[in-house]
Amino acid sequence: MKFFTAVVAAIALATSASAAFSSCGSSTDDFQLSTVSYTPNPPKVGQSVCITLKGTLSKQVTQGASIRTTATFWGINVYDQTTDLCAALSNSTNPCPIATTVNTVTHCVDVPSNVPAGVSLTLKAVATNNGGSRLFCISGPLTFSN
């Protein structure tokens, strides 16, 4: 589950992720991202996936930031967890606090071999900064391959 949260946290930081992901946030969100890319695309079970995010951060991301990640399969909730965002990104190129001058972040994680391949999940992630302001909201489908 920690892997799932880390992947979603990284992918979720984008408001215009590779075609299928879209923002469910607003123009007042603290993190307005322009692009996200990840390789390999699609992510492969049992291998590493690296996510690169680019955008504009209007407020520093500080300790206490959180991310709520949900996943549904055919409309049925199969995952719902709130996690410390800074803990999930602690081994990334930009751990917390993340300064407003940062415009590119890359983070790699290993995809466990027990993640089901070929199943399309609808992911939604809402991140909140310490103090309660929303960092971002993103949703879209994600399928892992063999």
C-alpha atoms as a PDB file:
ATOM      1  CA  MET A   1       0.000   0.000   0.000  1.00  0.00           C
ATOM      2  CA  LYS A   2       2.909   2.361   0.661  1.00  0.00           C
ATOM      3  CA  PHE A   3       4.007   1.938  -2.973  1.00  0.00           C
ATOM      4  CA  PHE A   4       0.489   2.671  -4.221  1.00  0.00           C
ATOM      5  CA  THR A   5       0.346   5.881  -2.200  1.00  0.00           C
ATOM      6  CA  ALA A   6       3.787   7.000  -3.367  1.00  0.00           C
ATOM      7  CA  VAL A   7       2.979   6.395  -7.033  1.00  0.00           C
ATOM      8  CA  VAL A   8      -0.340   8.140  -6.780  1.00  0.00           C
ATOM      9  CA  ALA A   9       1.195  10.992  -4.821  1.00  0.00           C
ATOM     10  CA  ALA A  10       3.713  11.575  -7.545  1.00  0.00           C
ATOM     11  CA  ILE A  11       1.338  11.142 -10.448  1.00  0.00           C
ATOM     12  CA  ALA A  12      -1.308  13.108  -8.672  1.00  0.00           C
ATOM     13  CA  LEU A  13       0.768  16.266  -8.567  1.00  0.00           C
ATOM     14  CA  ALA A  14      -0.144  16.986 -12.186  1.00  0.00           C
ATOM     15  CA  THR A  15      -3.152  18.861 -13.466  1.00  0.00           C
ATOM     16  CA  SER A  16      -2.678  17.847 -17.071  1.00  0.00           C
ATOM     17  CA  ALA A  17      -1.149  14.421 -16.777  1.00  0.00           C
ATOM     18  CA  SER A  18      -0.672  12.250 -19.786  1.00  0.00           C
ATOM     19  CA  ALA A  19      -3.922  12.782 -21.595  1.00  0.00           C
ATOM     20  CA  ALA A  20      -6.223  10.735 -19.375  1.00  0.00           C
ATOM     21  CA  PHE A  21      -5.585  12.475 -16.054  1.00  0.00           C
ATOM     22  CA  SER A  22      -7.448  15.701 -15.403  1.00  0.00           C
ATOM     23  CA  SER A  23      -7.661  18.287 -12.674  1.00  0.00           C
ATOM     24  CA  CYS A  24     -10.547  18.144 -10.253  1.00  0.00           C
ATOM     25  CA  GLY A  25      -9.133  21.200  -8.502  1.00  0.00           C
ATOM     26  CA  SER A  26      -9.450  24.907  -9.132  1.00  0.00           C
ATOM     27  CA  SER A  27      -7.364  27.938 -10.019  1.00  0.00           C
ATOM     28  CA  THR A  28      -6.927  28.641  -6.292  1.00  0.00           C
ATOM     29  CA  ASP A  29      -4.993  25.412  -5.660  1.00  0.00           C
ATOM     30  CA  ASP A  30      -1.449  26.010  -4.356  1.00  0.00           C
ATOM     31  CA  PHE A  31       0.156  23.674  -6.931  1.00  0.00           C
ATOM     32  CA  GLN A  32      -0.648  24.509 -10.577  1.00  0.00           C
ATOM     33  CA  LEU A  33       1.191  21.927 -12.670  1.00  0.00           C
ATOM     34  CA  SER A  34       1.640  22.057 -16.405  1.00  0.00           C
ATOM     35  CA  THR A  35       2.909  18.537 -17.173  1.00  0.00           C
ATOM     36  CA  VAL A  36       3.609  15.123 -15.755  1.00  0.00           C
ATOM     37  CA  SER A  37       5.434  12.288 -17.421  1.00  0.00           C
ATOM     38  CA  TYR A  38       6.339   8.856 -16.222  1.00  0.00           C
ATOM     39  CA  THR A  39       8.520   6.117 -17.609  1.00  0.00           C
ATOM     40  CA  PRO A  40       7.837   3.489 -18.499  1.00  0.00           C
ATOM     41  CA  ASN A  41       4.353   4.411 -19.666  1.00  0.00           C
ATOM     42  CA  PRO A  42       2.368   2.392 -18.753  1.00  0.00           C
ATOM     43  CA  PRO A  43       4.037   1.473 -15.462  1.00  0.00           C
ATOM     44  CA  LYS A  44       5.221  -2.154 -15.411  1.00  0.00           C
ATOM     45  CA  VAL A  45       4.589  -4.614 -12.596  1.00  0.00           C
ATOM     46  CA  GLY A  46       7.849  -5.581 -10.863  1.00  0.00           C
ATOM     47  CA  GLN A  47       9.852  -2.638 -12.258  1.00  0.00           C
ATOM     48  CA  SER A  48      10.619   0.932 -11.238  1.00  0.00           C
ATOM     49  CA  VAL A  49       8.522   3.812 -12.493  1.00  0.00           C
ATOM     50  CA  CYS A  50       9.922   7.362 -12.489  1.00  0.00           C
ATOM     51  CA  ILE A  51       7.591  10.341 -12.461  1.00  0.00           C
ATOM     52  CA  THR A  52       8.648  13.845 -13.492  1.00  0.00           C
ATOM     53  CA  LEU A  53       6.425  16.787 -12.593  1.00  0.00           C
ATOM     54  CA  LYS A  54       6.626  20.384 -13.805  1.00  0.00           C
ATOM     55  CA  GLY A  55       4.583  23.348 -12.659  1.00  0.00           C
ATOM     56  CA  THR A  56       4.209  26.373 -10.404  1.00  0.00           C
ATOM     57  CA  LEU A  57       3.953  26.190  -6.638  1.00  0.00           C
ATOM     58  CA  SER A  58       2.492  29.306  -5.010  1.00  0.00           C
ATOM     59  CA  LYS A  59       3.047  28.210  -1.379  1.00  0.00           C
ATOM     60  CA  GLN A  60       5.796  26.110   0.153  1.00  0.00           C
ATOM     61  CA  VAL A  61       4.820  22.471   0.832  1.00  0.00           C
ATOM     62  CA  THR A  62       5.539  21.889   4.511  1.00  0.00           C
ATOM     63  CA  GLN A  63       5.565  19.068   7.035  1.00  0.00           C
ATOM     64  CA  GLY A  64       1.978  18.158   7.855  1.00  0.00           C
ATOM     65  CA  ALA A  65       0.854  18.128   4.214  1.00  0.00           C
ATOM     66  CA  SER A  66      -1.334  15.135   3.417  1.00  0.00           C
ATOM     67  CA  ILE A  67      -2.762  13.317   0.437  1.00  0.00           C
ATOM     68  CA  ARG A  68      -6.002  11.352   0.307  1.00  0.00           C
ATOM     69  CA  THR A  69      -5.889   8.740  -2.407  1.00  0.00           C
ATOM     70  CA  THR A  70      -8.871   6.720  -3.589  1.00  0.00           C
ATOM     71  CA  ALA A  71      -9.163   4.071  -6.278  1.00  0.00           C
ATOM     72  CA  THR A  72     -12.283   2.602  -7.775  1.00  0.00           C
ATOM     73  CA  PHE A  73     -12.834  -0.397 -10.013  1.00  0.00           C
ATOM     74  CA  TRP A  74     -16.104  -0.312 -11.964  1.00  0.00           C
ATOM     75  CA  GLY A  75     -17.423   2.254  -9.493  1.00  0.00           C
ATOM     76  CA  ILE A  76     -16.567   0.164  -6.434  1.00  0.00           C
ATOM     77  CA  ASN A  77     -14.180   1.755  -3.942  1.00  0.00           C
ATOM     78  CA  VAL A  78     -11.166  -0.568  -3.626  1.00  0.00           C
ATOM     79  CA  TYR A  79      -8.723   1.799  -1.915  1.00  0.00           C
ATOM     80  CA  ASP A  80      -9.035   4.845   0.362  1.00  0.00           C
ATOM     81  CA  GLN A  81      -6.105   6.131   2.379  1.00  0.00           C
ATOM     82  CA  THR A  82      -4.835   9.422   3.742  1.00  0.00           C
ATOM     83  CA  THR A  83      -1.044   9.628   3.999  1.00  0.00           C
ATOM     84  CA  ASP A  84       1.606  12.114   5.055  1.00  0.00           C
ATOM     85  CA  LEU A  85       2.647  13.630   1.705  1.00  0.00           C
ATOM     86  CA  CYS A  86       6.102  14.646   2.929  1.00  0.00           C
ATOM     87  CA  ALA A  87       6.781  11.110   4.181  1.00  0.00           C
ATOM     88  CA  ALA A  88       5.755   9.698   0.787  1.00  0.00           C
ATOM     89  CA  LEU A  89       8.139  12.095  -0.974  1.00  0.00           C
ATOM     90  CA  SER A  90      10.962  11.849   1.581  1.00  0.00           C
ATOM     91  CA  ASN A  91      13.289  10.039  -0.859  1.00  0.00           C
ATOM     92  CA  SER A  92      12.420  12.186  -3.883  1.00  0.00           C
ATOM     93  CA  THR A  93      14.638  14.825  -5.473  1.00  0.00           C
ATOM     94  CA  ASN A  94      12.739  17.496  -3.526  1.00  0.00           C
ATOM     95  CA  PRO A  95      11.687  16.366  -0.038  1.00  0.00           C
ATOM     96  CA  CYS A  96       9.697  18.702   2.216  1.00  0.00           C
ATOM     97  CA  PRO A  97       9.789  21.536   2.708  1.00  0.00           C
ATOM     98  CA  ILE A  98       9.376  22.103  -1.029  1.00  0.00           C
ATOM     99  CA  ALA A  99      10.191  25.730  -1.885  1.00  0.00           C
ATOM    100  CA  THR A 100       8.135  27.810  -4.298  1.00  0.00           C
ATOM    101  CA  THR A 101      11.221  28.101  -6.515  1.00  0.00           C
ATOM    102  CA  VAL A 102      11.014  24.385  -7.374  1.00  0.00           C
ATOM    103  CA  ASN A 103       9.417  23.773 -10.792  1.00  0.00           C
ATOM    104  CA  THR A 104      10.557  20.194 -11.567  1.00  0.00           C
ATOM    105  CA  VAL A 105      10.408  17.135  -9.316  1.00  0.00           C
ATOM    106  CA  THR A 106      11.376  13.560 -10.252  1.00  0.00           C
ATOM    107  CA  HIS A 107      10.576  10.594  -8.033  1.00  0.00           C
ATOM    108  CA  CYS A 108      11.114   6.864  -8.692  1.00  0.00           C
ATOM    109  CA  VAL A 109       9.363   3.963  -6.961  1.00  0.00           C
ATOM    110  CA  ASP A 110       9.299   0.183  -7.428  1.00  0.00           C
ATOM    111  CA  VAL A 111       6.037  -1.388  -8.598  1.00  0.00           C
ATOM    112  CA  PRO A 112       5.478  -4.558  -6.502  1.00  0.00           C
ATOM    113  CA  SER A 113       4.881  -7.814  -8.338  1.00  0.00           C
ATOM    114  CA  ASN A 114       1.456  -8.249  -6.696  1.00  0.00           C
ATOM    115  CA  VAL A 115      -0.090  -5.198  -8.398  1.00  0.00           C
ATOM    116  CA  PRO A 116      -2.698  -6.516 -10.872  1.00  0.00           C
ATOM    117  CA  ALA A 117      -1.689  -5.965 -14.497  1.00  0.00           C
ATOM    118  CA  GLY A 118      -4.248  -5.018 -17.115  1.00  0.00           C
ATOM    119  CA  VAL A 119      -6.849  -3.731 -14.667  1.00  0.00           C
ATOM    120  CA  SER A 120      -7.903  -0.120 -15.142  1.00  0.00           C
ATOM    121  CA  LEU A 121      -8.430   1.697 -11.867  1.00  0.00           C
ATOM    122  CA  THR A 122      -9.862   5.198 -11.567  1.00  0.00           C
ATOM    123  CA  LEU A 123      -7.589   7.129  -9.239  1.00  0.00           C
ATOM    124  CA  LYS A 124      -8.321  10.348  -7.396  1.00  0.00           C
ATOM    125  CA  ALA A 125      -5.870  12.208  -5.189  1.00  0.00           C
ATOM    126  CA  VAL A 126      -6.486  15.352  -3.175  1.00  0.00           C
ATOM    127  CA  ALA A 127      -3.503  16.915  -1.412  1.00  0.00           C
ATOM    128  CA  THR A 128      -3.757  19.449   1.368  1.00  0.00           C
ATOM    129  CA  ASN A 129      -0.932  21.572   2.711  1.00  0.00           C
ATOM    130  CA  ASN A 130      -0.225  22.071   6.395  1.00  0.00           C
ATOM    131  CA  GLY A 131      -2.756  24.716   7.394  1.00  0.00           C
ATOM    132  CA  GLY A 132      -5.568  23.326   5.256  1.00  0.00           C
ATOM    133  CA  SER A 133      -5.127  24.931   1.828  1.00  0.00           C
ATOM    134  CA  ARG A 134      -5.561  22.534  -1.088  1.00  0.00           C
ATOM    135  CA  LEU A 135      -2.407  21.789  -3.066  1.00  0.00           C
ATOM    136  CA  PHE A 136      -4.122  19.934  -5.910  1.00  0.00           C
ATOM    137  CA  CYS A 137      -6.795  17.478  -6.955  1.00  0.00           C
ATOM    138  CA  ILE A 138      -6.359  15.082  -9.868  1.00  0.00           C
ATOM    139  CA  SER A 139      -8.256  12.090 -11.182  1.00  0.00           C
ATOM    140  CA  GLY A 140      -8.051   9.629 -14.038  1.00  0.00           C
ATOM    141  CA  PRO A 141      -7.503   6.014 -15.063  1.00  0.00           C
ATOM    142  CA  LEU A 142      -4.253   4.095 -14.588  1.00  0.00           C
ATOM    143  CA  THR A 143      -3.423   0.598 -15.841  1.00  0.00           C
ATOM    144  CA  PHE A 144      -0.254  -1.333 -15.015  1.00  0.00           C
ATOM    145  CA  SER A 145       1.250  -3.733 -17.555  1.00  0.00           C
ATOM    146  CA  ASN A 146       3.421  -6.865 -17.337  1.00  0.00           C
END
